[in-house]
N, C-alpha and C. Protein backbone atom coordinates (compact mmCIF):
# COMPACT_ATOMS: atom_id res chain seq x y z
N MET A 1 27.12 -98.27 52.69
CA MET A 1 26.22 -98.69 53.38
C MET A 1 25.64 -100.41 52.46
N GLU A 2 25.40 -99.07 51.36
CA GLU A 2 24.68 -99.69 49.95
C GLU A 2 25.43 -100.95 49.22
N ARG A 3 26.50 -100.65 49.06
CA ARG A 3 27.50 -101.92 48.92
C ARG A 3 27.16 -103.28 49.90
N VAL A 4 27.60 -103.23 51.29
CA VAL A 4 27.28 -103.75 51.74
C VAL A 4 26.08 -105.03 51.62
N ILE A 5 25.04 -104.23 51.76
CA ILE A 5 23.46 -104.25 51.30
C ILE A 5 23.60 -105.30 49.89
N GLU A 6 24.39 -104.65 49.11
CA GLU A 6 24.18 -105.75 47.37
C GLU A 6 24.86 -106.98 47.55
N ILE A 7 26.13 -106.81 48.49
CA ILE A 7 26.96 -108.16 48.70
C ILE A 7 25.97 -108.89 49.30
N PHE A 8 25.26 -108.96 50.90
CA PHE A 8 24.09 -109.55 51.22
C PHE A 8 23.25 -110.38 50.46
N VAL A 9 22.51 -109.31 49.57
CA VAL A 9 21.89 -109.64 48.59
C VAL A 9 21.99 -110.79 47.78
N GLU A 10 23.48 -110.49 47.01
CA GLU A 10 24.15 -111.48 45.93
C GLU A 10 24.74 -112.97 46.65
N LYS A 11 24.89 -112.85 47.99
CA LYS A 11 25.44 -114.21 48.95
C LYS A 11 24.14 -114.87 48.91
N GLN A 12 22.86 -114.39 48.83
CA GLN A 12 21.10 -115.14 49.16
C GLN A 12 21.20 -115.58 47.87
N ARG A 13 21.49 -114.56 46.94
CA ARG A 13 21.15 -115.07 45.68
C ARG A 13 21.78 -116.32 45.07
N GLN A 14 23.29 -116.12 45.26
CA GLN A 14 23.68 -117.41 44.95
C GLN A 14 23.26 -119.08 46.09
N ARG A 15 23.41 -118.90 47.05
CA ARG A 15 22.33 -119.93 47.81
C ARG A 15 21.42 -120.33 46.82
N LEU A 16 20.42 -119.28 46.58
CA LEU A 16 19.30 -119.85 45.73
C LEU A 16 19.71 -120.51 44.41
N ALA A 17 20.77 -120.21 43.70
CA ALA A 17 20.93 -120.28 42.76
C ALA A 17 21.40 -121.84 42.54
N ASP A 18 22.47 -122.03 44.23
CA ASP A 18 22.90 -123.23 44.12
C ASP A 18 21.66 -124.45 44.64
N GLY A 19 20.67 -124.19 45.24
CA GLY A 19 19.30 -124.79 45.82
C GLY A 19 19.61 -125.22 47.22
N LYS A 20 20.27 -124.12 47.48
CA LYS A 20 20.21 -124.57 48.98
C LYS A 20 19.04 -123.57 50.07
N ILE A 21 18.46 -122.49 49.02
CA ILE A 21 17.39 -121.60 49.63
C ILE A 21 16.21 -122.36 48.42
N ARG A 22 14.96 -122.30 49.03
CA ARG A 22 13.81 -122.16 47.59
C ARG A 22 13.49 -120.61 46.86
N GLN A 23 12.83 -120.08 46.59
CA GLN A 23 12.58 -118.84 45.94
C GLN A 23 11.65 -118.46 46.91
N GLU A 24 10.48 -118.76 47.43
CA GLU A 24 9.57 -118.20 48.54
C GLU A 24 10.52 -117.90 49.71
N GLU A 25 11.77 -118.74 50.24
CA GLU A 25 12.51 -118.14 51.60
C GLU A 25 12.99 -116.81 50.85
N TYR A 26 13.65 -116.55 49.45
CA TYR A 26 14.12 -115.82 48.86
C TYR A 26 13.32 -114.43 49.02
N GLU A 27 12.62 -114.60 49.01
CA GLU A 27 11.30 -113.51 48.49
C GLU A 27 11.08 -112.69 49.77
N ALA A 28 10.78 -113.77 50.60
CA ALA A 28 10.79 -113.40 52.17
C ALA A 28 11.81 -112.39 52.32
N PHE A 29 13.41 -113.04 52.31
CA PHE A 29 14.42 -112.36 52.82
C PHE A 29 14.31 -110.98 52.05
N LEU A 30 14.14 -111.02 50.90
CA LEU A 30 14.10 -109.45 50.03
C LEU A 30 13.28 -108.53 50.56
N ASP A 31 11.66 -108.74 50.54
CA ASP A 31 10.85 -108.12 51.52
C ASP A 31 11.52 -107.55 52.95
N GLY A 32 12.49 -108.43 53.98
CA GLY A 32 12.70 -107.60 55.13
C GLY A 32 13.69 -107.11 54.64
N ILE A 33 14.41 -107.22 53.73
CA ILE A 33 15.72 -105.57 53.52
C ILE A 33 15.05 -104.43 53.04
N ASN A 34 13.41 -104.80 52.32
CA ASN A 34 13.02 -103.36 51.53
C ASN A 34 12.25 -103.15 52.63
N ASP A 35 11.85 -103.65 53.42
CA ASP A 35 11.01 -103.34 54.80
C ASP A 35 11.72 -102.10 55.72
N ALA A 36 13.24 -102.35 56.08
CA ALA A 36 14.26 -101.71 56.66
C ALA A 36 14.75 -100.63 55.90
N LEU A 37 15.11 -101.04 54.00
CA LEU A 37 15.49 -99.89 53.58
C LEU A 37 14.42 -98.93 53.36
N SER A 38 13.20 -98.90 53.53
CA SER A 38 12.15 -98.22 53.43
C SER A 38 12.32 -96.80 54.64
N PHE A 39 13.36 -97.36 55.69
CA PHE A 39 13.23 -96.06 56.84
C PHE A 39 14.28 -94.75 56.09
N LEU A 40 14.99 -95.42 54.93
CA LEU A 40 15.91 -94.56 54.67
C LEU A 40 15.58 -94.11 52.86
N SER A 41 14.37 -94.45 52.48
CA SER A 41 13.93 -94.21 51.46
C SER A 41 14.60 -94.61 50.73
N LEU A 42 14.99 -95.70 50.91
CA LEU A 42 15.67 -96.95 49.61
C LEU A 42 15.30 -98.12 49.46
N HIS A 43 15.27 -98.74 48.51
CA HIS A 43 15.19 -100.10 48.03
C HIS A 43 15.81 -100.86 47.31
N TYR A 44 15.87 -101.94 47.20
CA TYR A 44 16.62 -102.91 46.68
C TYR A 44 15.98 -103.23 45.07
N VAL A 45 16.59 -103.24 43.77
CA VAL A 45 16.52 -103.28 42.91
C VAL A 45 16.75 -104.40 42.41
N ASN A 46 15.58 -105.69 42.19
CA ASN A 46 16.26 -107.24 41.97
C ASN A 46 17.10 -107.20 40.97
N SER A 47 16.15 -106.26 39.82
CA SER A 47 16.99 -106.42 38.49
C SER A 47 18.40 -105.68 37.99
N SER A 48 18.62 -104.40 38.50
CA SER A 48 19.65 -104.03 38.81
C SER A 48 20.77 -104.29 39.63
N GLU A 49 20.21 -104.93 40.68
CA GLU A 49 21.15 -105.69 41.74
C GLU A 49 21.62 -104.43 42.37
N THR A 50 20.93 -103.14 42.86
CA THR A 50 21.38 -102.21 43.28
C THR A 50 20.34 -101.88 44.15
N VAL A 51 20.83 -100.71 45.35
CA VAL A 51 20.30 -99.84 45.91
C VAL A 51 19.71 -98.69 45.88
N GLU A 52 18.67 -98.43 45.57
CA GLU A 52 18.72 -97.28 45.15
C GLU A 52 17.53 -96.25 46.05
N LYS A 53 17.11 -95.34 45.33
CA LYS A 53 16.59 -94.38 45.81
C LYS A 53 14.78 -94.74 45.28
N THR A 54 14.09 -94.29 46.50
CA THR A 54 12.43 -94.59 46.24
C THR A 54 11.44 -93.44 46.61
N ASP A 55 10.80 -93.28 46.80
CA ASP A 55 9.47 -92.49 47.28
C ASP A 55 8.65 -93.48 48.15
N ARG A 56 8.79 -94.70 48.63
CA ARG A 56 7.99 -95.53 49.20
C ARG A 56 8.18 -95.10 50.76
N LYS A 57 7.13 -95.04 51.84
CA LYS A 57 7.32 -94.41 52.33
C LYS A 57 7.75 -95.60 53.62
N PRO A 58 8.38 -94.93 55.03
CA PRO A 58 9.00 -96.33 55.56
C PRO A 58 7.62 -97.52 56.04
N ALA A 59 8.15 -98.86 56.43
CA ALA A 59 7.03 -99.98 56.68
C ALA A 59 6.36 -99.45 58.19
N SER A 60 5.32 -99.83 58.79
CA SER A 60 4.35 -99.31 59.70
C SER A 60 4.55 -100.71 60.44
N PHE A 61 5.40 -100.94 61.62
CA PHE A 61 4.89 -102.08 62.24
C PHE A 61 3.79 -103.11 61.77
N ASN A 62 2.46 -102.69 61.56
CA ASN A 62 1.36 -103.05 61.37
C ASN A 62 1.59 -103.78 60.06
N GLU A 63 2.09 -103.35 59.05
CA GLU A 63 2.46 -103.54 57.43
C GLU A 63 3.31 -104.64 57.78
N ILE A 64 4.53 -104.76 58.68
CA ILE A 64 5.57 -105.98 58.55
C ILE A 64 4.71 -106.78 59.60
N GLU A 65 4.16 -106.47 60.39
CA GLU A 65 3.19 -107.82 61.36
C GLU A 65 2.63 -108.98 60.13
N GLU A 66 1.92 -107.94 59.81
CA GLU A 66 0.93 -108.59 58.99
C GLU A 66 1.48 -109.59 57.51
N LYS A 67 2.91 -108.89 56.62
CA LYS A 67 3.57 -109.77 56.16
C LYS A 67 3.73 -111.13 56.80
N TYR A 68 4.47 -110.58 58.09
CA TYR A 68 5.25 -111.89 58.60
C TYR A 68 4.16 -112.93 59.57
N LYS A 69 2.79 -112.43 59.26
CA LYS A 69 1.94 -113.75 59.15
C LYS A 69 1.64 -114.64 58.36
N LYS A 70 1.86 -114.01 57.19
CA LYS A 70 1.86 -114.49 55.69
C LYS A 70 2.64 -115.22 55.44
N PHE A 71 4.05 -114.68 55.81
CA PHE A 71 5.13 -115.68 55.34
C PHE A 71 5.18 -117.39 55.61
N ARG A 72 5.35 -118.16 55.34
CA ARG A 72 5.78 -119.45 55.79
C ARG A 72 7.55 -119.22 56.00
N GLU A 73 7.94 -118.48 55.26
CA GLU A 73 8.95 -118.12 55.57
C GLU A 73 9.66 -117.20 56.85
N VAL A 74 9.09 -117.09 58.02
CA VAL A 74 9.25 -115.77 58.45
C VAL A 74 10.76 -115.94 59.05
N ALA A 75 11.58 -116.81 59.12
CA ALA A 75 13.04 -116.37 59.78
C ALA A 75 13.55 -115.78 58.87
N MET A 76 13.69 -115.96 57.62
CA MET A 76 14.13 -115.20 56.22
C MET A 76 13.92 -113.76 56.64
N TYR A 77 12.62 -113.46 56.95
CA TYR A 77 11.97 -112.31 56.81
C TYR A 77 12.64 -111.58 57.77
N LYS A 78 12.85 -112.06 59.03
CA LYS A 78 12.74 -111.32 60.15
C LYS A 78 14.76 -111.56 60.10
N ASN A 79 14.94 -112.33 59.82
CA ASN A 79 17.13 -112.21 59.53
C ASN A 79 17.50 -111.38 59.01
N SER A 80 16.70 -110.82 57.46
CA SER A 80 17.13 -109.94 56.92
C SER A 80 16.46 -108.83 57.31
N PHE A 81 15.43 -108.31 57.85
CA PHE A 81 15.07 -106.79 58.48
C PHE A 81 16.35 -106.58 59.48
N LEU A 82 16.34 -107.54 60.33
CA LEU A 82 16.97 -107.44 61.73
C LEU A 82 18.63 -107.19 60.90
N ARG A 83 19.31 -107.59 60.05
CA ARG A 83 20.53 -107.61 59.80
C ARG A 83 20.75 -106.35 58.92
N VAL A 84 19.97 -105.95 58.11
CA VAL A 84 19.79 -104.38 57.71
C VAL A 84 19.85 -103.63 57.91
N SER A 85 18.68 -103.72 59.01
CA SER A 85 18.63 -102.38 60.23
C SER A 85 19.78 -102.67 61.05
N ASP A 86 20.62 -103.24 61.53
CA ASP A 86 21.85 -103.28 61.92
C ASP A 86 22.96 -102.51 61.01
N ILE A 87 23.15 -102.96 59.86
CA ILE A 87 23.65 -102.34 58.66
C ILE A 87 23.60 -100.81 58.73
N ILE A 88 22.08 -100.14 58.82
CA ILE A 88 21.91 -98.89 58.46
C ILE A 88 22.16 -98.17 60.16
N LYS A 89 22.42 -99.00 61.15
CA LYS A 89 22.49 -98.70 62.73
C LYS A 89 24.30 -98.24 62.66
N TYR A 90 25.03 -99.27 62.13
CA TYR A 90 26.07 -99.10 62.48
C TYR A 90 26.94 -97.95 61.28
N SER A 91 25.89 -97.54 60.03
CA SER A 91 26.74 -96.91 59.02
C SER A 91 26.32 -95.61 59.61
N GLY A 92 25.65 -95.19 61.00
CA GLY A 92 25.25 -94.00 61.28
C GLY A 92 23.77 -93.61 61.11
N GLN A 93 23.01 -94.41 60.02
CA GLN A 93 21.82 -93.53 59.10
C GLN A 93 20.79 -93.84 59.76
N THR A 94 20.11 -94.53 61.17
CA THR A 94 19.23 -95.06 61.45
C THR A 94 18.60 -93.64 62.01
N THR A 95 17.14 -94.16 62.03
CA THR A 95 16.00 -93.27 62.36
C THR A 95 15.27 -93.78 63.59
N ASP A 96 15.47 -92.99 64.80
CA ASP A 96 14.42 -93.18 65.90
C ASP A 96 12.78 -94.24 65.40
N LEU A 97 12.34 -94.13 64.26
CA LEU A 97 11.30 -94.86 63.99
C LEU A 97 12.01 -96.14 63.61
N LEU A 98 13.15 -96.20 63.06
CA LEU A 98 13.38 -97.18 62.58
C LEU A 98 13.67 -98.42 64.01
N GLN A 99 14.75 -97.72 65.22
CA GLN A 99 15.18 -98.24 66.25
C GLN A 99 14.06 -98.92 66.79
N LYS A 100 13.09 -97.94 66.81
CA LYS A 100 11.59 -98.69 68.01
C LYS A 100 10.89 -100.23 66.88
N ILE A 101 10.89 -99.57 65.50
CA ILE A 101 10.56 -100.59 65.23
C ILE A 101 11.17 -102.31 64.86
N THR A 102 12.58 -102.27 64.92
CA THR A 102 13.55 -103.16 64.76
C THR A 102 13.13 -103.36 66.36
N HIS A 103 12.95 -102.83 67.27
CA HIS A 103 13.16 -103.43 68.66
C HIS A 103 11.86 -104.42 68.80
N SER A 104 10.41 -104.21 68.20
CA SER A 104 9.93 -104.60 68.38
C SER A 104 9.73 -106.07 67.35
N VAL A 105 10.40 -105.56 66.28
CA VAL A 105 10.45 -106.90 65.35
C VAL A 105 11.03 -107.94 66.48
N ARG A 106 12.22 -107.89 66.97
CA ARG A 106 12.95 -108.04 67.82
C ARG A 106 12.07 -108.91 68.07
N GLU A 107 11.87 -108.76 69.52
CA GLU A 107 10.38 -108.84 70.47
C GLU A 107 9.56 -109.81 70.49
N GLU A 108 8.85 -108.89 69.30
CA GLU A 108 7.69 -109.50 69.21
C GLU A 108 7.24 -110.66 68.13
N LEU A 109 8.03 -110.14 66.81
CA LEU A 109 7.38 -111.68 66.26
C LEU A 109 8.66 -112.68 66.08
């Protein structure tokens, strides 16, 4: 699962380098990924380009909603959060809380 996410990020980083997306879109994309990964105590580390363990608590719906309101690039955030949530689900590592918040993000944001 970690490698799939790393490839997903690499493709977006290449789009950023090619000028196909803006820096703000890329940052919103990474926030969505890291919020979804937080449910597995994981975090994408940009400097090493790897998914690693973290002691970060899972993101709450209120935190996600607050970030979502701030971002101008909400589509990138929502897309990356939902995609990583799906990757986690299909890898068999999903949690009840992640499923609940994924449903809320999909329906309410």
